[in-house]
PDB file of N, CA and C in Angstrom:
ATOM      1  N   MET A   1      77.340 176.771 -99.268  1.00  0.00           N
ATOM      2  CA  MET A   1      77.232 175.303 -98.885  1.00  0.00           C
ATOM      3  C   MET A   1      75.771 174.854 -98.950  1.00  0.00           C
ATOM      4  N   ASP A   2      74.813 175.716 -98.606  1.00  0.00           N
ATOM      5  CA  ASP A   2      73.449 175.239 -98.667  1.00  0.00           C
ATOM      6  C   ASP A   2      73.076 174.719-100.016  1.00  0.00           C
ATOM      7  N   ASP A   3      73.510 175.421-101.149  1.00  0.00           N
ATOM      8  CA  ASP A   3      73.188 174.860-102.480  1.00  0.00           C
ATOM      9  C   ASP A   3      73.875 173.544-102.674  1.00  0.00           C
ATOM     10  N   PHE A   4      75.079 173.408-102.238  1.00  0.00           N
ATOM     11  CA  PHE A   4      75.720 172.050-102.384  1.00  0.00           C
ATOM     12  C   PHE A   4      74.964 170.992-101.676  1.00  0.00           C
ATOM     13  N   LYS A   5      74.508 171.268-100.429  1.00  0.00           N
ATOM     14  CA  LYS A   5      73.812 170.183 -99.617  1.00  0.00           C
ATOM     15  C   LYS A   5      72.448 169.835-100.347  1.00  0.00           C
ATOM     16  N   LYS A   6      71.761 170.889-100.954  1.00  0.00           N
ATOM     17  CA  LYS A   6      70.478 170.666-101.637  1.00  0.00           C
ATOM     18  C   LYS A   6      70.914 169.698-102.787  1.00  0.00           C
ATOM     19  N   ASP A   7      71.934 170.031-103.626  1.00  0.00           N
ATOM     20  CA  ASP A   7      72.332 169.239-104.768  1.00  0.00           C
ATOM     21  C   ASP A   7      72.688 167.728-104.363  1.00  0.00           C
ATOM     22  N   LEU A   8      73.379 167.724-103.260  1.00  0.00           N
ATOM     23  CA  LEU A   8      73.664 166.314-102.593  1.00  0.00           C
ATOM     24  C   LEU A   8      72.446 165.604-102.324  1.00  0.00           C
ATOM     25  N   LYS A   9      71.485 166.202-101.663  1.00  0.00           N
ATOM     26  CA  LYS A   9      70.225 165.507-101.298  1.00  0.00           C
ATOM     27  C   LYS A   9      69.577 165.005-102.613  1.00  0.00           C
ATOM     28  N   LEU A  10      69.559 165.912-103.640  1.00  0.00           N
ATOM     29  CA  LEU A  10      68.929 165.494-104.832  1.00  0.00           C
ATOM     30  C   LEU A  10      69.624 164.197-105.511  1.00  0.00           C
ATOM     31  N   GLN A  11      70.887 164.246-105.460  1.00  0.00           N
ATOM     32  CA  GLN A  11      71.678 163.081-105.901  1.00  0.00           C
ATOM     33  C   GLN A  11      71.324 161.737-105.128  1.00  0.00           C
ATOM     34  N   ILE A  12      71.161 162.032-103.873  1.00  0.00           N
ATOM     35  CA  ILE A  12      70.801 160.857-103.008  1.00  0.00           C
ATOM     36  C   ILE A  12      69.434 160.351-103.256  1.00  0.00           C
ATOM     37  N   ILE A  13      68.476 161.254-103.413  1.00  0.00           N
ATOM     38  CA  ILE A  13      67.184 160.865-103.813  1.00  0.00           C
ATOM     39  C   ILE A  13      67.100 160.114-105.109  1.00  0.00           C
ATOM     40  N   GLU A  14      67.898 160.573-106.136  1.00  0.00           N
ATOM     41  CA  GLU A  14      67.919 159.942-107.451  1.00  0.00           C
ATOM     42  C   GLU A  14      68.580 158.624-107.370  1.00  0.00           C
ATOM     43  N   ALA A  15      69.827 158.528-106.666  1.00  0.00           N
ATOM     44  CA  ALA A  15      70.516 157.351-106.562  1.00  0.00           C
ATOM     45  C   ALA A  15      69.853 156.251-105.873  1.00  0.00           C
ATOM     46  N   LEU A  16      69.043 156.561-104.736  1.00  0.00           N
ATOM     47  CA  LEU A  16      68.376 155.652-104.019  1.00  0.00           C
ATOM     48  C   LEU A  16      66.899 155.393-104.424  1.00  0.00           C
ATOM     49  N   ASN A  17      66.474 156.195-105.379  1.00  0.00           N
ATOM     50  CA  ASN A  17      65.050 156.116-105.936  1.00  0.00           C
ATOM     51  C   ASN A  17      64.073 156.251-104.790  1.00  0.00           C
ATOM     52  N   LEU A  18      64.289 157.310-104.083  1.00  0.00           N
ATOM     53  CA  LEU A  18      63.449 157.734-102.935  1.00  0.00           C
ATOM     54  C   LEU A  18      62.245 158.520-103.455  1.00  0.00           C
ATOM     55  N   GLN A  19      61.256 157.826-104.076  1.00  0.00           N
ATOM     56  CA  GLN A  19      60.119 158.386-104.790  1.00  0.00           C
ATOM     57  C   GLN A  19      59.337 159.208-103.665  1.00  0.00           C
ATOM     58  N   GLY A  20      58.746 160.252-104.185  1.00  0.00           N
ATOM     59  CA  GLY A  20      57.929 161.148-103.446  1.00  0.00           C
ATOM     60  C   GLY A  20      58.666 162.054-102.373  1.00  0.00           C
ATOM     61  N   MET A  21      60.014 162.004-102.440  1.00  0.00           N
ATOM     62  CA  MET A  21      60.786 162.782-101.550  1.00  0.00           C
ATOM     63  C   MET A  21      61.414 164.031-102.241  1.00  0.00           C
ATOM     64  N   ASN A  22      61.567 165.134-101.500  1.00  0.00           N
ATOM     65  CA  ASN A  22      62.374 166.185-102.103  1.00  0.00           C
ATOM     66  C   ASN A  22      63.311 166.659-101.151  1.00  0.00           C
ATOM     67  N   PRO A  23      64.284 167.425-101.501  1.00  0.00           N
ATOM     68  CA  PRO A  23      65.434 167.871-100.604  1.00  0.00           C
ATOM     69  C   PRO A  23      64.914 168.448 -99.303  1.00  0.00           C
ATOM     70  N   ASP A  24      63.872 169.113 -99.225  1.00  0.00           N
ATOM     71  CA  ASP A  24      63.387 169.722 -98.047  1.00  0.00           C
ATOM     72  C   ASP A  24      62.855 168.736 -96.969  1.00  0.00           C
ATOM     73  N   ASP A  25      62.617 167.482 -97.520  1.00  0.00           N
ATOM     74  CA  ASP A  25      62.218 166.389 -96.562  1.00  0.00           C
ATOM     75  C   ASP A  25      63.342 165.813 -95.768  1.00  0.00           C
ATOM     76  N   ILE A  26      64.532 166.047 -96.209  1.00  0.00           N
ATOM     77  CA  ILE A  26      65.788 165.514 -95.499  1.00  0.00           C
ATOM     78  C   ILE A  26      66.427 166.647 -94.646  1.00  0.00           C
ATOM     79  N   ASP A  27      66.481 166.278 -93.351  1.00  0.00           N
ATOM     80  CA  ASP A  27      67.091 167.276 -92.449  1.00  0.00           C
ATOM     81  C   ASP A  27      68.651 167.025 -92.574  1.00  0.00           C
ATOM     82  N   ASN A  28      69.315 168.182 -92.617  1.00  0.00           N
ATOM     83  CA  ASN A  28      70.812 168.085 -92.643  1.00  0.00           C
ATOM     84  C   ASN A  28      71.553 167.443 -91.566  1.00  0.00           C
ATOM     85  N   THR A  29      70.869 167.442 -90.432  1.00  0.00           N
ATOM     86  CA  THR A  29      71.630 166.828 -89.251  1.00  0.00           C
ATOM     87  C   THR A  29      70.998 165.587 -88.772  1.00  0.00           C
ATOM     88  N   ALA A  30      69.927 165.127 -89.441  1.00  0.00           N
ATOM     89  CA  ALA A  30      69.254 163.902 -89.021  1.00  0.00           C
ATOM     90  C   ALA A  30      70.083 162.713 -89.557  1.00  0.00           C
ATOM     91  N   PRO A  31      70.174 161.587 -88.739  1.00  0.00           N
ATOM     92  CA  PRO A  31      70.830 160.412 -89.187  1.00  0.00           C
ATOM     93  C   PRO A  31      70.248 159.929 -90.500  1.00  0.00           C
ATOM     94  N   LEU A  32      71.037 159.448 -91.451  1.00  0.00           N
ATOM     95  CA  LEU A  32      70.672 158.896 -92.644  1.00  0.00           C
ATOM     96  C   LEU A  32      70.123 157.460 -92.520  1.00  0.00           C
ATOM     97  N   PHE A  33      70.647 156.745 -91.477  1.00  0.00           N
ATOM     98  CA  PHE A  33      70.198 155.356 -91.219  1.00  0.00           C
ATOM     99  C   PHE A  33      69.434 155.247 -89.942  1.00  0.00           C
ATOM    100  N   GLY A  34      68.761 154.153 -89.761  1.00  0.00           N
ATOM    101  CA  GLY A  34      67.971 153.959 -88.652  1.00  0.00           C
ATOM    102  C   GLY A  34      66.848 154.885 -88.565  1.00  0.00           C
ATOM    103  N   GLU A  35      66.738 155.530 -87.390  1.00  0.00           N
ATOM    104  CA  GLU A  35      65.550 156.378 -87.020  1.00  0.00           C
ATOM    105  C   GLU A  35      65.450 157.518 -88.007  1.00  0.00           C
ATOM    106  N   GLY A  36      66.546 158.072 -88.461  1.00  0.00           N
ATOM    107  CA  GLY A  36      66.514 159.266 -89.370  1.00  0.00           C
ATOM    108  C   GLY A  36      65.816 158.985 -90.694  1.00  0.00           C
ATOM    109  N   LEU A  37      66.541 158.945 -91.769  1.00  0.00           N
ATOM    110  CA  LEU A  37      65.978 158.746 -92.945  1.00  0.00           C
ATOM    111  C   LEU A  37      65.591 157.262 -93.273  1.00  0.00           C
ATOM    112  N   GLY A  38      66.136 156.324 -92.487  1.00  0.00           N
ATOM    113  CA  GLY A  38      65.778 154.948 -92.549  1.00  0.00           C
ATOM    114  C   GLY A  38      66.471 154.118 -93.629  1.00  0.00           C
ATOM    115  N   LEU A  39      67.741 154.521 -94.024  1.00  0.00           N
ATOM    116  CA  LEU A  39      68.416 153.821 -95.023  1.00  0.00           C
ATOM    117  C   LEU A  39      69.048 152.558 -94.357  1.00  0.00           C
ATOM    118  N   ASP A  40      69.357 151.634 -95.292  1.00  0.00           N
ATOM    119  CA  ASP A  40      70.078 150.440 -94.803  1.00  0.00           C
ATOM    120  C   ASP A  40      71.360 150.145 -95.407  1.00  0.00           C
ATOM    121  N   SER A  41      71.963 148.944 -95.336  1.00  0.00           N
ATOM    122  CA  SER A  41      73.292 148.708 -95.656  1.00  0.00           C
ATOM    123  C   SER A  41      73.371 148.675 -97.165  1.00  0.00           C
ATOM    124  N   ILE A  42      72.313 148.249 -97.848  1.00  0.00           N
ATOM    125  CA  ILE A  42      72.392 148.312 -99.368  1.00  0.00           C
ATOM    126  C   ILE A  42      72.448 149.857 -99.810  1.00  0.00           C
ATOM    127  N   ASP A  43      71.726 150.625 -99.229  1.00  0.00           N
ATOM    128  CA  ASP A  43      71.756 152.014 -99.465  1.00  0.00           C
ATOM    129  C   ASP A  43      73.172 152.624 -99.245  1.00  0.00           C
ATOM    130  N   SER A  44      73.789 152.201 -98.180  1.00  0.00           N
ATOM    131  CA  SER A  44      75.160 152.705 -97.952  1.00  0.00           C
ATOM    132  C   SER A  44      76.143 152.300 -99.066  1.00  0.00           C
ATOM    133  N   LEU A  45      76.035 151.273 -99.659  1.00  0.00           N
ATOM    134  CA  LEU A  45      76.813 150.895-100.885  1.00  0.00           C
ATOM    135  C   LEU A  45      76.504 151.713-101.963  1.00  0.00           C
ATOM    136  N   GLU A  46      75.204 152.064-102.178  1.00  0.00           N
ATOM    137  CA  GLU A  46      74.820 153.044-103.230  1.00  0.00           C
ATOM    138  C   GLU A  46      75.445 154.361-103.095  1.00  0.00           C
ATOM    139  N   LEU A  47      75.437 154.846-101.786  1.00  0.00           N
ATOM    140  CA  LEU A  47      75.955 156.170-101.498  1.00  0.00           C
ATOM    141  C   LEU A  47      77.434 156.132-101.642  1.00  0.00           C
ATOM    142  N   MET A  48      78.141 154.999-101.304  1.00  0.00           N
ATOM    143  CA  MET A  48      79.652 154.943-101.586  1.00  0.00           C
ATOM    144  C   MET A  48      79.906 155.089-103.116  1.00  0.00           C
ATOM    145  N   VAL A  49      79.046 154.420-103.928  1.00  0.00           N
ATOM    146  CA  VAL A  49      79.310 154.501-105.342  1.00  0.00           C
ATOM    147  C   VAL A  49      79.020 155.955-105.792  1.00  0.00           C
ATOM    148  N   LEU A  50      78.075 156.605-105.233  1.00  0.00           N
ATOM    149  CA  LEU A  50      77.766 157.963-105.570  1.00  0.00           C
ATOM    150  C   LEU A  50      78.979 158.883-105.242  1.00  0.00           C
ATOM    151  N   LEU A  51      79.581 158.716-104.076  1.00  0.00           N
ATOM    152  CA  LEU A  51      80.752 159.442-103.641  1.00  0.00           C
ATOM    153  C   LEU A  51      81.977 159.291-104.654  1.00  0.00           C
ATOM    154  N   GLU A  52      82.181 157.984-105.048  1.00  0.00           N
ATOM    155  CA  GLU A  52      83.265 157.827-105.997  1.00  0.00           C
ATOM    156  C   GLU A  52      82.975 158.337-107.320  1.00  0.00           C
ATOM    157  N   ARG A  53      81.759 158.039-107.908  1.00  0.00           N
ATOM    158  CA  ARG A  53      81.343 158.440-109.180  1.00  0.00           C
ATOM    159  C   ARG A  53      81.297 160.023-109.319  1.00  0.00           C
ATOM    160  N   ASN A  54      80.669 160.649-108.488  1.00  0.00           N
ATOM    161  CA  ASN A  54      80.426 162.052-108.510  1.00  0.00           C
ATOM    162  C   ASN A  54      81.631 162.982-107.981  1.00  0.00           C
ATOM    163  N   TYR A  55      82.337 162.487-107.054  1.00  0.00           N
ATOM    164  CA  TYR A  55      83.358 163.228-106.342  1.00  0.00           C
ATOM    165  C   TYR A  55      84.751 162.693-106.378  1.00  0.00           C
ATOM    166  N   GLY A  56      84.935 161.492-106.875  1.00  0.00           N
ATOM    167  CA  GLY A  56      86.264 160.758-106.972  1.00  0.00           C
ATOM    168  C   GLY A  56      86.731 160.377-105.589  1.00  0.00           C
ATOM    169  N   ILE A  57      85.752 160.213-104.651  1.00  0.00           N
ATOM    170  CA  ILE A  57      86.046 159.866-103.267  1.00  0.00           C
ATOM    171  C   ILE A  57      85.769 158.328-103.095  1.00  0.00           C
ATOM    172  N   LYS A  58      86.891 157.690-102.687  1.00  0.00           N
ATOM    173  CA  LYS A  58      86.772 156.183-102.500  1.00  0.00           C
ATOM    174  C   LYS A  58      87.062 155.965-100.926  1.00  0.00           C
ATOM    175  N   ILE A  59      86.174 155.385-100.265  1.00  0.00           N
ATOM    176  CA  ILE A  59      86.280 155.131 -98.779  1.00  0.00           C
ATOM    177  C   ILE A  59      86.460 153.627 -98.601  1.00  0.00           C
ATOM    178  N   GLU A  60      87.581 153.301 -98.075  1.00  0.00           N
ATOM    179  CA  GLU A  60      87.987 151.983 -97.902  1.00  0.00           C
ATOM    180  C   GLU A  60      87.624 151.309 -96.525  1.00  0.00           C
ATOM    181  N   ASP A  61      87.632 152.215 -95.424  1.00  0.00           N
ATOM    182  CA  ASP A  61      87.579 151.799 -94.116  1.00  0.00           C
ATOM    183  C   ASP A  61      86.001 151.906 -93.731  1.00  0.00           C
ATOM    184  N   ALA A  62      85.449 150.842 -93.322  1.00  0.00           N
ATOM    185  CA  ALA A  62      83.969 150.867 -92.949  1.00  0.00           C
ATOM    186  C   ALA A  62      83.712 151.818 -91.838  1.00  0.00           C
ATOM    187  N   ARG A  63      84.651 151.925 -90.839  1.00  0.00           N
ATOM    188  CA  ARG A  63      84.453 152.818 -89.712  1.00  0.00           C
ATOM    189  C   ARG A  63      84.292 154.317 -90.102  1.00  0.00           C
ATOM    190  N   GLU A  64      85.265 154.694 -91.069  1.00  0.00           N
ATOM    191  CA  GLU A  64      85.269 156.052 -91.672  1.00  0.00           C
ATOM    192  C   GLU A  64      84.012 156.219 -92.466  1.00  0.00           C
ATOM    193  N   GLY A  65      83.584 155.172 -93.242  1.00  0.00           N
ATOM    194  CA  GLY A  65      82.387 155.309 -93.963  1.00  0.00           C
ATOM    195  C   GLY A  65      81.145 155.611 -93.079  1.00  0.00           C
ATOM    196  N   ARG A  66      81.092 154.954 -91.987  1.00  0.00           N
ATOM    197  CA  ARG A  66      79.879 155.155 -91.058  1.00  0.00           C
ATOM    198  C   ARG A  66      79.933 156.672 -90.635  1.00  0.00           C
ATOM    199  N   LYS A  67      81.005 157.253 -90.406  1.00  0.00           N
ATOM    200  CA  LYS A  67      81.152 158.580 -89.969  1.00  0.00           C
ATOM    201  C   LYS A  67      80.777 159.576 -91.063  1.00  0.00           C
ATOM    202  N   VAL A  68      81.183 159.205 -92.273  1.00  0.00           N
ATOM    203  CA  VAL A  68      80.956 160.001 -93.474  1.00  0.00           C
ATOM    204  C   VAL A  68      79.445 160.034 -93.787  1.00  0.00           C
ATOM    205  N   LEU A  69      78.762 158.878 -93.649  1.00  0.00           N
ATOM    206  CA  LEU A  69      77.417 158.739 -94.075  1.00  0.00           C
ATOM    207  C   LEU A  69      76.476 158.924 -92.920  1.00  0.00           C
ATOM    208  N   GLU A  70      76.982 159.651 -91.855  1.00  0.00           N
ATOM    209  CA  GLU A  70      76.111 159.803 -90.757  1.00  0.00           C
ATOM    210  C   GLU A  70      74.898 160.821 -91.014  1.00  0.00           C
ATOM    211  N   SER A  71      75.111 161.795 -91.715  1.00  0.00           N
ATOM    212  CA  SER A  71      74.059 162.854 -92.086  1.00  0.00           C
ATOM    213  C   SER A  71      74.624 163.589 -93.325  1.00  0.00           C
ATOM    214  N   ILE A  72      73.565 164.463 -93.716  1.00  0.00           N
ATOM    215  CA  ILE A  72      74.016 165.344 -94.903  1.00  0.00           C
ATOM    216  C   ILE A  72      75.118 166.173 -94.507  1.00  0.00           C
ATOM    217  N   ASP A  73      75.058 166.756 -93.408  1.00  0.00           N
ATOM    218  CA  ASP A  73      76.078 167.666 -92.891  1.00  0.00           C
ATOM    219  C   ASP A  73      77.482 166.973 -92.990  1.00  0.00           C
ATOM    220  N   ALA A  74      77.491 165.724 -92.341  1.00  0.00           N
ATOM    221  CA  ALA A  74      78.774 164.984 -92.425  1.00  0.00           C
ATOM    222  C   ALA A  74      79.305 164.666 -93.766  1.00  0.00           C
ATOM    223  N   MET A  75      78.266 164.225 -94.625  1.00  0.00           N
ATOM    224  CA  MET A  75      78.793 163.899 -96.102  1.00  0.00           C
ATOM    225  C   MET A  75      79.310 165.166 -96.726  1.00  0.00           C
ATOM    226  N   ALA A  76      78.547 166.238 -96.567  1.00  0.00           N
ATOM    227  CA  ALA A  76      78.973 167.538 -97.396  1.00  0.00           C
ATOM    228  C   ALA A  76      80.378 167.946 -96.792  1.00  0.00           C
ATOM    229  N   ALA A  77      80.638 168.008 -95.579  1.00  0.00           N
ATOM    230  CA  ALA A  77      81.908 168.400 -94.976  1.00  0.00           C
ATOM    231  C   ALA A  77      82.944 167.462 -95.536  1.00  0.00           C
ATOM    232  N   TYR A  78      82.738 166.200 -95.480  1.00  0.00           N
ATOM    233  CA  TYR A  78      83.758 165.146 -96.014  1.00  0.00           C
ATOM    234  C   TYR A  78      84.082 165.380 -97.505  1.00  0.00           C
ATOM    235  N   ILE A  79      82.976 165.570 -98.296  1.00  0.00           N
ATOM    236  CA  ILE A  79      83.271 165.756 -99.697  1.00  0.00           C
ATOM    237  C   ILE A  79      83.991 167.184 -99.926  1.00  0.00           C
ATOM    238  N   GLU A  80      83.535 168.131 -99.338  1.00  0.00           N
ATOM    239  CA  GLU A  80      84.370 169.437 -99.372  1.00  0.00           C
ATOM    240  C   GLU A  80      85.940 169.332 -99.156  1.00  0.00           C
ATOM    241  N   ALA A  81      86.105 168.579 -98.016  1.00  0.00           N
ATOM    242  CA  ALA A  81      87.477 168.345 -97.630  1.00  0.00           C
ATOM    243  C   ALA A  81      88.292 167.386 -98.483  1.00  0.00           C
ATOM    244  N   ASN A  82      87.757 166.451 -99.175  1.00  0.00           N
ATOM    245  CA  ASN A  82      88.374 165.324 -99.917  1.00  0.00           C
ATOM    246  C   ASN A  82      88.143 165.247-101.364  1.00  0.00           C
ATOM    247  N   ARG A  83      87.228 165.911-101.877  1.00  0.00           N
ATOM    248  CA  ARG A  83      86.886 165.727-103.284  1.00  0.00           C
ATOM    249  C   ARG A  83      88.139 165.967-104.250  1.00  0.00           C
ATOM    250  N   LYS A  84      88.085 165.221-105.342  1.00  0.00           N
ATOM    251  CA  LYS A  84      89.261 165.353-106.280  1.00  0.00           C
ATOM    252  C   LYS A  84      88.821 166.549-107.101  1.00  0.00           C
ATOM    253  N   LYS A  85      89.703 167.543-107.167  1.00  0.00           N
ATOM    254  CA  LYS A  85      89.449 168.774-107.833  1.00  0.00           C
ATOM    255  C   LYS A  85      89.634 168.527-109.427  1.00  0.00           C
TER     256      LYS A  85
END
Protein backbone atom coordinates (compact mmCIF):
# COMPACT_ATOMS: atom_id res chain seq x y z
CA MET A 1 0.00 0.00 0.00
CA ASP A 2 2.94 2.36 0.55
CA ASP A 3 3.74 2.41 -3.18
CA PHE A 4 0.07 3.07 -3.89
CA LYS A 5 0.04 6.00 -1.46
CA LYS A 6 3.19 7.42 -3.08
CA ASP A 7 1.54 7.14 -6.51
CA LEU A 8 -1.59 8.80 -5.13
CA LYS A 9 0.48 11.67 -3.75
CA LEU A 10 2.18 12.09 -7.14
CA GLN A 11 -1.23 12.22 -8.83
CA ILE A 12 -2.41 14.86 -6.35
CA ILE A 13 0.73 16.96 -6.79
CA GLU A 14 0.29 16.84 -10.57
CA ALA A 15 -3.49 17.41 -10.57
CA LEU A 16 -3.26 20.38 -8.21
CA ASN A 17 -0.03 21.72 -9.69
CA LEU A 18 1.68 21.80 -6.28
CA GLN A 19 5.01 23.02 -7.56
CA GLY A 20 8.07 22.30 -5.50
CA MET A 21 6.39 19.47 -3.58
CA ASN A 22 7.30 15.83 -3.61
CA PRO A 23 5.46 12.84 -2.09
CA ASP A 24 7.66 12.86 1.01
CA ASP A 25 6.38 16.37 1.83
CA ILE A 26 2.84 15.04 2.36
CA ASP A 27 2.15 13.19 5.61
CA ASN A 28 -0.21 10.24 5.11
CA THR A 29 -2.20 11.09 8.24
CA ALA A 30 -2.21 14.91 8.02
CA PRO A 31 -5.40 16.68 6.95
CA LEU A 32 -5.42 17.64 3.28
CA PHE A 33 -7.47 20.77 3.99
CA GLY A 34 -7.01 23.58 6.47
CA GLU A 35 -3.99 23.28 8.75
CA GLY A 36 -2.60 20.21 6.99
CA LEU A 37 -1.73 20.53 3.30
CA GLY A 38 -3.85 23.69 3.07
CA LEU A 39 -6.10 22.69 0.18
CA ASP A 40 -9.38 24.52 -0.47
CA SER A 41 -12.81 23.79 -1.96
CA ILE A 42 -11.59 24.21 -5.55
CA ASP A 43 -8.90 21.64 -4.83
CA SER A 44 -11.55 19.24 -3.52
CA LEU A 45 -13.33 19.41 -6.89
CA GLU A 46 -10.06 18.59 -8.64
CA LEU A 47 -9.55 15.62 -6.31
CA MET A 48 -13.07 14.37 -7.06
CA VAL A 49 -12.28 14.52 -10.77
CA LEU A 50 -9.02 12.65 -10.12
CA LEU A 51 -10.91 9.89 -8.27
CA GLU A 52 -13.42 9.51 -11.06
CA ARG A 53 -10.92 9.67 -13.91
CA ASN A 54 -8.23 7.45 -12.42
CA TYR A 55 -10.26 5.02 -10.31
CA GLY A 56 -13.84 5.10 -11.61
CA ILE A 57 -15.06 6.42 -8.26
CA LYS A 58 -17.82 9.02 -8.25
CA ILE A 59 -18.75 10.54 -4.89
CA GLU A 60 -22.17 12.20 -4.85
CA ASP A 61 -22.58 12.90 -1.12
CA ALA A 62 -20.60 15.91 0.18
CA ARG A 63 -20.36 14.41 3.68
CA GLU A 64 -18.88 11.23 2.28
CA GLY A 65 -16.49 13.32 0.18
CA ARG A 66 -15.22 15.15 3.25
CA LYS A 67 -14.41 11.84 4.93
CA VAL A 68 -12.74 10.43 1.81
CA LEU A 69 -10.61 13.53 1.26
CA GLU A 70 -9.58 13.83 4.90
CA SER A 71 -6.04 12.48 4.41
CA ILE A 72 -3.92 10.35 2.11
CA ASP A 73 -4.64 7.34 4.34
CA ALA A 74 -8.41 7.95 4.07
CA MET A 75 -8.26 8.40 0.29
CA ALA A 76 -6.14 5.30 -0.23
CA ALA A 77 -8.41 3.13 1.93
CA TYR A 78 -11.52 4.38 0.13
CA ILE A 79 -9.98 3.82 -3.30
CA GLU A 80 -8.88 0.30 -2.38
CA ALA A 81 -12.38 -0.54 -1.15
CA ASN A 82 -14.32 1.10 -4.00
CA ARG A 83 -12.27 1.29 -7.18
CA LYS A 84 -13.71 -0.16 -10.36
CA LYS A 85 -11.63 -3.18 -11.27
